[in-house]
Amino acid sequence: MSRVCFISNFDLTILQHELAKRLEVNGHDIVWMTTNPKWTRWLTENGVDRDAICELVYPEKPHLTDDERTQLNAEIAAMERRVGHQVSLALMADKFVRSKRWAHLDDFTISSYRDMRNWLESRQVDVVVGEPSNLHELIASMICRDRGLRFLGAETMRIPSDRMLFRTSFTQADVYRPTRSCESGPAGDELLQQWRDDPPRPRYFAINNRKSIAGPAKIASTLKNRWADKPWQPKHHLTHWDFGNRLAVTGRQIINRALLSNRRYPELNQLSGRLAYYGLHVQPEASIDVGGPYVSDQPKLIADIRRSLPWDMTLVVKEHPNALGTKSLPTYRAIESLPRVVMIHPQTETKQILKRVDLVFTVTGTLAYEAGLRGVPAITFAPMFFGDLSTVHSVDNVCDLPREIHRAMSLKQSPEHDANVLEQLWQWSRPGYWTDPITDPSVLHPENLDLLVEAFAEAIDDPA
């Protein structure tokens, strides 16, 4: 049996703990890493031995000696060269740590690397389980790659939402591929036909869309959750919600949402000629800040797309309904000021958009997945697990966009090829619904937990 280290991730810790208990019953040895005293206390109160937890919490002031800093900086730089990822990328992608602007961020990051490395080595960990989204998890995934350990980051398959994949690194195209195939599954052509005609909307989209509405219930829930963290007490760690910032964001969202929802937008059928489409991402969010860190400045990316499009093609932009109002009004004005760029109503259905447009752009969004199912040319700015669909194309350098746009526009759907891709994705995925239990408590249903434990146990025990 294996020794598994779970990296506590906010409210997801509740689900992780339920899985850990069941994996222990199956014979696996479980240890933990936490970045927040709140979750260290929660785990110990729920039966985890304190000696099985590595707490990554540090003093507010610089705390390393010059010699320690020099040695660890050299170690980190050497690791970066070996694994091909940068720790600075991980730091800048972490919305919690980066926003605190503490003077000792370097020491915080270096110490985290040191203690995670030492913990994984001293406890002889075989597999690390975490979300490849925050600083500590991203660094842990780098350490795993460098030391020959296995890293598993569970995520929903999106379409459908009741199946899950495991990521093995930063990149969403790096997925665990089981050596054992599913015993049975739908034929690829059946999946393509079903999902092309009526693709199931990801469950998280509907839930988050309901929760994103800045009404009295949403405001009360937000303030209650943040107040429970006792915001008046100094926090000697960086991985916590900032109450003042959350209050400011909620207030801004209320005002901006009202302004944006009630303004007049052009209808798709009022636009003539060829159309390209870019769907704005929720931000900050790992899907773009980690998945596409070099194109995470969305107004700039939209301008670069517009620069690269043929003259006779209009670029249509739509805000993500889950994020309506969270961006500043000057951001929207900057987008609308671009020539031949038009913003449409945030509630316009994706299905209607894909029927009208000739090309879609997204950094890592499900939009490209849906476009690929329908045979609409799609460009992503990061490799994706669904990127082998015949009309989905990844671009890693915006300077190449003019040429790559012409290439993408020439792509034609191959139903036979796409059916094989979907059948392969089905074989790589496993049944189980994955999200945090605060977003959706149904994830803790015993039947779902049984499916998740089976998927984790198989991935942990698989030598692939």
Protein backbone atom coordinates (compact mmCIF):
# COMPACT_ATOMS: atom_id res chain seq x y z
CA MET A 1 0.00 0.00 0.00
CA SER A 2 1.06 3.62 -0.55
CA ARG A 3 1.68 6.62 1.65
CA VAL A 4 -0.47 9.47 0.41
CA CYS A 5 -0.15 13.16 1.29
CA PHE A 6 -3.24 15.34 0.95
CA ILE A 7 -2.68 19.10 0.60
CA SER A 8 -5.52 20.84 2.42
CA ASN A 9 -7.39 23.22 0.10
CA PHE A 10 -9.89 25.46 1.91
CA ASP A 11 -13.41 23.94 2.05
CA LEU A 12 -12.31 21.07 -0.18
CA THR A 13 -10.52 19.76 2.93
CA ILE A 14 -13.86 18.40 4.14
CA LEU A 15 -14.17 16.16 1.08
CA GLN A 16 -10.47 15.28 1.17
CA HIS A 17 -10.84 14.12 4.78
CA GLU A 18 -13.76 11.85 3.94
CA LEU A 19 -11.72 10.27 1.15
CA ALA A 20 -8.64 9.96 3.37
CA LYS A 21 -10.60 8.07 6.05
CA ARG A 22 -11.83 5.57 3.51
CA LEU A 23 -8.41 5.15 1.93
CA GLU A 24 -6.94 4.44 5.39
CA VAL A 25 -9.51 1.68 5.86
CA ASN A 26 -8.25 0.24 2.57
CA GLY A 27 -4.71 0.13 3.98
CA HIS A 28 -3.17 3.36 2.72
CA ASP A 29 -1.16 5.57 5.09
CA ILE A 30 -2.31 9.21 5.01
CA VAL A 31 -0.42 12.37 5.94
CA TRP A 32 -1.32 16.01 5.40
CA MET A 33 0.03 19.45 4.55
CA THR A 34 -1.92 22.55 5.57
CA THR A 35 -1.34 26.25 4.92
CA ASN A 36 -3.87 27.64 7.36
CA PRO A 37 -4.15 27.04 11.16
CA LYS A 38 -7.93 26.90 10.77
CA TRP A 39 -7.73 23.70 8.75
CA THR A 40 -5.00 22.21 10.96
CA ARG A 41 -7.40 22.61 13.90
CA TRP A 42 -10.30 21.24 11.88
CA LEU A 43 -8.36 18.12 10.91
CA THR A 44 -7.17 17.42 14.46
CA GLU A 45 -10.69 17.99 15.81
CA ASN A 46 -11.87 15.39 13.30
CA GLY A 47 -9.44 12.70 14.33
CA VAL A 48 -6.20 13.38 12.42
CA ASP A 49 -3.03 12.97 14.50
CA ARG A 50 -1.21 16.32 14.73
CA ASP A 51 2.08 14.52 14.00
CA ALA A 52 0.62 13.56 10.60
CA ILE A 53 0.23 17.22 9.59
CA CYS A 54 2.91 19.53 8.20
CA GLU A 55 1.68 23.08 8.78
CA LEU A 56 3.19 25.59 6.34
CA VAL A 57 2.75 28.78 8.38
CA TYR A 58 5.58 31.27 8.92
CA PRO A 59 6.41 34.52 10.74
CA GLU A 60 5.31 37.78 9.16
CA LYS A 61 8.87 39.15 9.01
CA PRO A 62 11.78 37.74 6.97
CA HIS A 63 13.04 34.73 8.90
CA LEU A 64 15.76 33.02 6.83
CA THR A 65 19.47 33.70 7.20
CA ASP A 66 21.40 34.93 4.18
CA ASP A 67 23.15 31.56 3.87
CA GLU A 68 19.84 29.64 4.00
CA ARG A 69 18.31 31.93 1.42
CA THR A 70 21.27 31.57 -0.94
CA GLN A 71 21.32 27.78 -0.68
CA LEU A 72 17.57 27.34 -1.14
CA ASN A 73 17.42 29.81 -4.02
CA ALA A 74 20.05 27.73 -5.82
CA GLU A 75 18.09 24.52 -5.11
CA ILE A 76 14.87 26.01 -6.47
CA ALA A 77 16.56 27.33 -9.62
CA ALA A 78 18.09 23.90 -10.26
CA MET A 79 14.71 22.22 -9.78
CA GLU A 80 13.08 24.68 -12.20
CA ARG A 81 15.60 23.78 -14.89
CA ARG A 82 14.89 20.09 -14.43
CA VAL A 83 11.09 20.24 -14.43
CA GLY A 84 10.50 23.10 -16.87
CA HIS A 85 8.25 25.20 -14.60
CA GLN A 86 8.96 28.33 -12.56
CA VAL A 87 8.14 28.90 -8.90
CA SER A 88 7.55 32.57 -9.72
CA LEU A 89 4.67 31.48 -11.96
CA ALA A 90 3.17 29.58 -9.03
CA LEU A 91 3.53 32.59 -6.75
CA MET A 92 1.98 35.05 -9.20
CA ALA A 93 -0.89 32.69 -9.93
CA ASP A 94 -1.95 32.43 -6.26
CA LYS A 95 -4.66 35.03 -5.73
CA PHE A 96 -4.50 34.73 -1.92
CA VAL A 97 -0.78 34.92 -1.36
CA ARG A 98 0.00 37.49 -4.05
CA SER A 99 -2.68 39.93 -2.93
CA LYS A 100 -1.35 40.19 0.65
CA ARG A 101 1.83 42.03 -0.47
CA TRP A 102 3.82 41.03 2.60
CA ALA A 103 7.47 42.05 2.64
CA HIS A 104 8.62 38.48 3.24
CA LEU A 105 6.93 36.77 0.28
CA ASP A 106 10.31 35.44 -0.86
CA ASP A 107 11.03 33.83 2.50
CA PHE A 108 7.45 32.52 2.66
CA THR A 109 7.82 30.85 -0.74
CA ILE A 110 11.33 29.53 -0.12
CA SER A 111 10.40 28.12 3.30
CA SER A 112 7.31 26.45 1.82
CA TYR A 113 9.48 24.72 -0.79
CA ARG A 114 12.00 23.60 1.85
CA ASP A 115 9.43 22.22 4.27
CA MET A 116 7.33 20.50 1.62
CA ARG A 117 10.44 18.83 0.18
CA ASN A 118 11.60 17.73 3.64
CA TRP A 119 8.15 16.49 4.64
CA LEU A 120 7.67 14.40 1.50
CA GLU A 121 11.12 12.89 1.89
CA SER A 122 11.02 12.25 5.65
CA ARG A 123 7.55 10.70 5.51
CA GLN A 124 8.45 8.68 2.40
CA VAL A 125 5.38 9.84 0.51
CA ASP A 126 4.52 8.01 -2.72
CA VAL A 127 1.58 10.10 -3.97
CA VAL A 128 0.58 13.72 -3.41
CA VAL A 129 -3.07 14.71 -3.84
CA GLY A 130 -3.91 18.36 -4.37
CA GLU A 131 -5.57 20.89 -6.62
CA PRO A 132 -2.94 22.26 -9.03
CA SER A 133 -4.14 25.81 -8.45
CA ASN A 134 -2.53 27.46 -5.41
CA LEU A 135 1.12 28.22 -4.60
CA HIS A 136 1.83 25.26 -2.33
CA GLU A 137 0.13 22.72 -4.58
CA LEU A 138 1.89 24.02 -7.67
CA ILE A 139 5.28 23.86 -5.96
CA ALA A 140 4.42 20.39 -4.64
CA SER A 141 3.65 19.23 -8.18
CA MET A 142 7.09 20.50 -9.24
CA ILE A 143 8.80 18.68 -6.35
CA CYS A 144 6.93 15.50 -7.29
CA ARG A 145 8.07 15.68 -10.89
CA ASP A 146 11.63 16.41 -9.77
CA ARG A 147 11.74 13.58 -7.19
CA GLY A 148 9.87 10.96 -9.20
CA LEU A 149 6.75 11.05 -7.00
CA ARG A 150 3.21 10.98 -8.32
CA PHE A 151 0.92 14.00 -8.19
CA LEU A 152 -2.84 13.65 -8.63
CA GLY A 153 -5.16 16.61 -9.04
CA ALA A 154 -8.80 15.60 -9.39
CA GLU A 155 -11.09 17.65 -11.60
CA THR A 156 -14.40 17.28 -13.31
CA MET A 157 -14.45 16.12 -16.92
CA ARG A 158 -16.85 19.07 -17.47
CA ILE A 159 -18.88 17.23 -20.10
CA PRO A 160 -20.29 15.26 -18.41
CA SER A 161 -19.97 16.62 -14.85
CA ASP A 162 -20.47 13.25 -13.18
CA ARG A 163 -17.14 11.92 -14.42
CA MET A 164 -13.67 12.99 -13.29
CA LEU A 165 -10.09 13.03 -14.52
CA PHE A 166 -6.78 13.32 -12.66
CA ARG A 167 -4.28 15.96 -13.66
CA THR A 168 -0.61 15.20 -13.09
CA SER A 169 0.90 18.70 -13.45
CA PHE A 170 0.17 22.40 -14.10
CA THR A 171 -1.12 21.64 -17.58
CA GLN A 172 -4.70 20.55 -18.20
CA ALA A 173 -3.54 18.30 -21.01
CA ASP A 174 -1.41 16.25 -18.59
CA VAL A 175 -3.95 13.72 -17.37
CA TYR A 176 -3.53 10.36 -15.70
CA ARG A 177 -4.22 7.57 -18.17
CA PRO A 178 -5.23 4.38 -16.38
CA THR A 179 -3.64 1.15 -17.49
CA ARG A 180 -7.01 -0.52 -16.90
CA SER A 181 -9.83 0.47 -19.22
CA CYS A 182 -13.40 0.87 -18.07
CA GLU A 183 -15.21 -2.44 -18.37
CA SER A 184 -17.86 -0.87 -20.56
CA GLY A 185 -18.85 2.51 -21.90
CA PRO A 186 -20.86 4.16 -24.63
CA ALA A 187 -19.53 4.04 -28.17
CA GLY A 188 -17.73 7.20 -29.25
CA ASP A 189 -20.18 7.96 -32.04
CA GLU A 190 -23.05 7.76 -29.55
CA LEU A 191 -21.29 10.22 -27.23
CA LEU A 192 -20.56 12.60 -30.09
CA GLN A 193 -24.15 12.53 -31.30
CA GLN A 194 -25.56 13.04 -27.81
CA TRP A 195 -23.17 15.79 -26.71
CA ARG A 196 -23.18 17.61 -30.05
CA ASP A 197 -26.95 17.93 -30.23
CA ASP A 198 -27.55 18.69 -26.56
CA PRO A 199 -24.33 18.92 -24.53
CA PRO A 200 -25.02 18.59 -20.80
CA ARG A 201 -24.22 21.86 -19.04
CA PRO A 202 -21.55 21.40 -16.39
CA ARG A 203 -23.18 21.13 -12.98
CA TYR A 204 -20.78 23.66 -11.45
CA PHE A 205 -21.89 26.24 -14.01
CA ALA A 206 -25.53 26.15 -12.92
CA ILE A 207 -24.62 26.15 -9.22
CA ASN A 208 -22.15 29.02 -9.51
CA ASN A 209 -24.52 30.98 -11.70
CA ARG A 210 -27.18 30.83 -9.00
CA LYS A 211 -24.67 31.76 -6.31
CA SER A 212 -23.19 34.62 -8.33
CA ILE A 213 -26.35 36.69 -8.17
CA ALA A 214 -25.56 39.56 -5.82
CA GLY A 215 -28.89 39.63 -4.01
CA PRO A 216 -29.55 39.84 -0.26
CA ALA A 217 -29.05 36.09 0.28
CA LYS A 218 -25.73 36.12 -1.57
CA ILE A 219 -24.49 39.15 0.34
CA ALA A 220 -25.53 37.69 3.70
CA SER A 221 -23.88 34.35 2.91
CA THR A 222 -20.63 36.01 1.80
CA LEU A 223 -20.37 38.23 4.87
CA LYS A 224 -21.32 35.40 7.24
CA ASN A 225 -18.64 33.08 5.83
CA ARG A 226 -15.95 35.77 5.97
CA TRP A 227 -17.00 36.91 9.47
CA ALA A 228 -16.62 33.33 10.70
CA ASP A 229 -12.89 33.67 10.01
CA LYS A 230 -12.71 36.45 12.66
CA PRO A 231 -11.35 39.14 10.33
CA TRP A 232 -10.52 41.45 13.27
CA GLN A 233 -7.79 39.05 14.40
CA PRO A 234 -4.32 39.34 12.79
CA LYS A 235 -3.58 36.43 10.48
CA HIS A 236 -0.06 35.01 10.60
CA HIS A 237 -0.49 33.22 7.31
CA LEU A 238 -1.31 34.23 3.75
CA THR A 239 -3.91 31.70 2.66
CA HIS A 240 -7.05 33.39 3.92
CA TRP A 241 -9.83 35.52 2.52
CA ASP A 242 -9.40 39.22 3.07
CA PHE A 243 -12.64 40.47 4.62
CA GLY A 244 -12.26 44.07 3.42
CA ASN A 245 -11.44 42.97 -0.10
CA ARG A 246 -14.37 40.55 -0.17
CA LEU A 247 -16.70 43.30 1.05
CA ALA A 248 -15.40 45.70 -1.62
CA VAL A 249 -15.76 43.09 -4.39
CA THR A 250 -19.32 42.27 -3.32
CA GLY A 251 -20.28 45.95 -3.25
CA ARG A 252 -18.74 46.54 -6.65
CA GLN A 253 -20.50 43.51 -8.05
CA ILE A 254 -23.90 44.74 -6.86
CA ILE A 255 -23.48 48.10 -8.59
CA ASN A 256 -21.79 46.87 -11.75
CA ARG A 257 -24.15 43.94 -12.18
CA ALA A 258 -27.15 46.25 -12.11
CA LEU A 259 -25.55 48.61 -14.63
CA LEU A 260 -24.43 45.85 -16.97
CA SER A 261 -27.65 43.83 -16.82
CA ASN A 262 -29.90 46.74 -17.73
CA ARG A 263 -27.90 48.27 -20.56
CA ARG A 264 -28.74 47.66 -24.22
CA TYR A 265 -26.72 45.07 -26.10
CA PRO A 266 -26.83 44.24 -29.82
CA GLU A 267 -28.47 40.96 -30.74
CA LEU A 268 -26.44 38.31 -32.54
CA ASN A 269 -28.86 38.34 -35.46
CA GLN A 270 -28.23 42.07 -35.85
CA LEU A 271 -24.55 41.47 -36.63
CA SER A 272 -23.62 40.84 -40.24
CA GLY A 273 -20.64 39.11 -41.79
CA ARG A 274 -18.28 36.60 -40.24
CA LEU A 275 -18.04 36.47 -36.45
CA ALA A 276 -15.38 35.31 -34.03
CA TYR A 277 -16.17 34.90 -30.34
CA TYR A 278 -14.21 35.25 -27.09
CA GLY A 279 -15.87 34.33 -23.79
CA LEU A 280 -14.45 36.21 -20.80
CA HIS A 281 -13.15 34.00 -17.99
CA VAL A 282 -14.01 34.34 -14.32
CA GLN A 283 -10.96 35.97 -12.75
CA PRO A 284 -9.03 35.54 -10.52
CA GLU A 285 -9.33 31.84 -11.21
CA ALA A 286 -6.87 28.98 -11.65
CA SER A 287 -8.33 28.09 -15.04
CA ILE A 288 -6.72 31.21 -16.50
CA ASP A 289 -4.17 32.42 -13.93
CA VAL A 290 -2.52 28.98 -13.77
CA GLY A 291 -3.79 27.43 -17.00
CA GLY A 292 -2.82 30.40 -19.17
CA PRO A 293 -0.53 32.61 -17.10
CA TYR A 294 1.04 34.43 -20.06
CA VAL A 295 -2.34 35.41 -21.54
CA SER A 296 -4.16 36.14 -18.27
CA ASP A 297 -4.47 39.87 -19.07
CA GLN A 298 -7.79 39.45 -20.84
CA PRO A 299 -8.23 42.98 -22.28
CA LYS A 300 -4.75 42.71 -23.81
CA LEU A 301 -5.48 39.23 -25.15
CA ILE A 302 -8.70 40.46 -26.75
CA ALA A 303 -6.78 43.31 -28.39
CA ASP A 304 -4.20 40.81 -29.70
CA ILE A 305 -6.98 38.62 -31.10
CA ARG A 306 -8.54 41.64 -32.81
CA ARG A 307 -5.16 42.59 -34.32
CA SER A 308 -4.89 39.11 -35.78
CA LEU A 309 -8.38 38.60 -37.23
CA PRO A 310 -9.22 39.06 -40.91
CA TRP A 311 -10.70 42.49 -41.63
CA ASP A 312 -14.12 41.10 -42.55
CA MET A 313 -14.53 39.32 -39.20
CA THR A 314 -16.11 40.99 -36.15
CA LEU A 315 -15.03 39.86 -32.68
CA VAL A 316 -17.93 39.23 -30.30
CA VAL A 317 -17.18 39.25 -26.55
CA LYS A 318 -19.43 38.10 -23.71
CA GLU A 319 -18.94 38.31 -19.96
CA HIS A 320 -19.18 35.05 -18.04
CA PRO A 321 -22.56 35.14 -16.28
CA ASN A 322 -20.97 33.74 -13.11
CA ALA A 323 -18.67 36.79 -12.95
CA LEU A 324 -20.99 39.56 -14.05
CA GLY A 325 -20.03 42.74 -12.22
CA THR A 326 -16.77 41.54 -10.67
CA LYS A 327 -14.61 43.28 -13.25
CA SER A 328 -14.29 47.06 -13.23
CA LEU A 329 -16.35 49.17 -15.61
CA PRO A 330 -13.15 50.60 -17.20
CA THR A 331 -12.25 47.02 -18.17
CA TYR A 332 -15.45 46.67 -20.19
CA ARG A 333 -14.98 50.13 -21.70
CA ALA A 334 -11.45 49.22 -22.78
CA ILE A 335 -12.77 46.14 -24.56
CA GLU A 336 -15.62 47.98 -26.25
CA SER A 337 -13.30 50.76 -27.41
CA LEU A 338 -11.48 48.33 -29.70
CA PRO A 339 -12.49 48.58 -33.38
CA ARG A 340 -14.81 45.87 -34.68
CA VAL A 341 -15.26 44.42 -31.18
CA VAL A 342 -18.82 44.06 -29.89
CA MET A 343 -20.05 42.96 -26.45
CA ILE A 344 -23.29 40.99 -26.32
CA HIS A 345 -25.64 40.29 -23.42
CA PRO A 346 -24.05 38.11 -20.70
CA GLN A 347 -27.06 35.78 -20.63
CA THR A 348 -26.84 34.90 -24.33
CA GLU A 349 -26.82 31.10 -24.54
CA THR A 350 -23.65 29.40 -25.72
CA LYS A 351 -25.71 27.14 -27.97
CA GLN A 352 -27.03 30.17 -29.87
CA ILE A 353 -23.57 31.68 -30.14
CA LEU A 354 -22.03 28.51 -31.55
CA LYS A 355 -24.74 28.33 -34.21
CA ARG A 356 -23.81 31.80 -35.45
CA VAL A 357 -20.05 32.25 -35.09
CA ASP A 358 -17.27 30.97 -37.39
CA LEU A 359 -14.45 30.77 -34.83
CA VAL A 360 -14.14 30.79 -31.03
CA PHE A 361 -11.30 31.72 -28.68
CA THR A 362 -10.79 30.81 -25.04
CA VAL A 363 -7.81 30.33 -22.76
CA THR A 364 -8.94 27.05 -21.18
CA GLY A 365 -12.73 27.29 -21.22
CA THR A 366 -15.35 24.59 -21.75
CA LEU A 367 -16.48 26.77 -24.66
CA ALA A 368 -13.79 25.18 -26.87
CA TYR A 369 -14.95 21.70 -25.80
CA GLU A 370 -18.53 22.50 -26.84
CA ALA A 371 -17.33 24.10 -30.08
CA GLY A 372 -15.26 21.03 -30.90
CA LEU A 373 -18.25 18.76 -30.37
CA ARG A 374 -20.20 20.85 -32.88
CA GLY A 375 -17.35 21.08 -35.38
CA VAL A 376 -16.83 24.82 -34.88
CA PRO A 377 -13.15 25.84 -35.16
CA ALA A 378 -11.79 26.73 -31.71
CA ILE A 379 -8.48 28.12 -30.48
CA THR A 380 -7.30 27.63 -26.91
CA PHE A 381 -4.26 29.34 -25.44
CA ALA A 382 -3.18 26.31 -23.42
CA PRO A 383 -3.12 22.57 -24.21
CA MET A 384 -6.31 20.90 -23.03
CA PHE A 385 -7.38 17.34 -22.31
CA PHE A 386 -9.99 17.63 -25.09
CA GLY A 387 -7.48 19.25 -27.46
CA ASP A 388 -7.36 16.29 -29.84
CA LEU A 389 -10.85 17.06 -31.15
CA SER A 390 -10.52 17.70 -34.86
CA THR A 391 -11.49 21.39 -34.83
CA VAL A 392 -9.78 22.38 -31.56
CA HIS A 393 -6.34 23.96 -31.91
CA SER A 394 -3.92 25.26 -29.27
CA VAL A 395 -1.77 28.38 -29.74
CA ASP A 396 1.11 29.09 -27.37
CA ASN A 397 2.39 32.34 -28.91
CA VAL A 398 0.07 35.25 -29.69
CA CYS A 399 2.58 36.47 -32.27
CA ASP A 400 1.61 33.44 -34.35
CA LEU A 401 -2.11 34.20 -34.18
CA PRO A 402 -2.65 35.54 -37.75
CA ARG A 403 -1.20 32.35 -39.25
CA GLU A 404 -2.88 30.08 -36.70
CA ILE A 405 -6.27 31.69 -37.23
CA HIS A 406 -6.11 30.91 -40.95
CA ARG A 407 -5.07 27.36 -40.08
CA ALA A 408 -7.92 26.95 -37.59
CA MET A 409 -10.48 28.30 -40.05
CA SER A 410 -9.50 25.58 -42.52
CA LEU A 411 -10.18 22.77 -40.04
CA LYS A 412 -13.12 20.50 -40.82
CA GLN A 413 -14.72 18.15 -38.36
CA SER A 414 -13.93 14.46 -38.65
CA PRO A 415 -16.79 12.69 -36.84
CA GLU A 416 -14.92 9.39 -36.84
CA HIS A 417 -11.82 10.97 -35.30
CA ASP A 418 -13.83 12.88 -32.70
CA ALA A 419 -15.77 9.76 -31.75
CA ASN A 420 -12.44 8.03 -31.04
CA VAL A 421 -11.28 10.99 -28.94
CA LEU A 422 -14.45 10.94 -26.82
CA GLU A 423 -14.22 7.20 -26.39
CA GLN A 424 -10.63 7.61 -25.19
CA LEU A 425 -11.60 10.37 -22.74
CA TRP A 426 -14.33 8.13 -21.37
CA GLN A 427 -11.77 5.40 -20.77
CA TRP A 428 -9.36 7.80 -19.02
CA SER A 429 -12.10 9.23 -16.79
CA ARG A 430 -13.91 7.59 -13.91
CA PRO A 431 -17.42 8.05 -12.52
CA GLY A 432 -17.65 10.51 -9.64
CA TYR A 433 -18.65 14.10 -9.01
CA TRP A 434 -15.88 16.43 -7.78
CA THR A 435 -16.34 19.81 -6.10
CA ASP A 436 -16.10 21.27 -2.60
CA PRO A 437 -18.98 20.46 -0.24
CA ILE A 438 -19.78 24.10 0.47
CA THR A 439 -20.45 24.74 -3.22
CA ASP A 440 -22.51 21.55 -3.45
CA PRO A 441 -23.13 19.36 -0.35
CA SER A 442 -24.33 16.50 -2.57
CA VAL A 443 -20.68 15.66 -3.27
CA LEU A 444 -20.60 14.04 0.20
CA HIS A 445 -23.40 11.61 -0.63
CA PRO A 446 -22.20 8.09 0.31
CA GLU A 447 -22.70 6.75 -3.22
CA ASN A 448 -20.57 9.54 -4.69
CA LEU A 449 -17.90 9.07 -2.02
CA ASP A 450 -17.73 5.37 -2.91
CA LEU A 451 -17.13 6.27 -6.57
CA LEU A 452 -14.44 8.82 -5.68
CA VAL A 453 -12.64 6.42 -3.35
CA GLU A 454 -12.65 3.75 -6.05
CA ALA A 455 -11.18 6.22 -8.57
CA PHE A 456 -8.51 7.46 -6.15
CA ALA A 457 -7.58 3.94 -5.02
CA GLU A 458 -7.14 2.82 -8.61
CA ALA A 459 -5.01 5.85 -9.52
CA ILE A 460 -2.87 5.53 -6.36
CA ASP A 461 -2.22 1.83 -6.87
CA ASP A 462 -1.65 2.07 -10.64
CA PRO A 463 2.11 2.11 -11.39
CA ALA A 464 1.56 3.98 -14.66
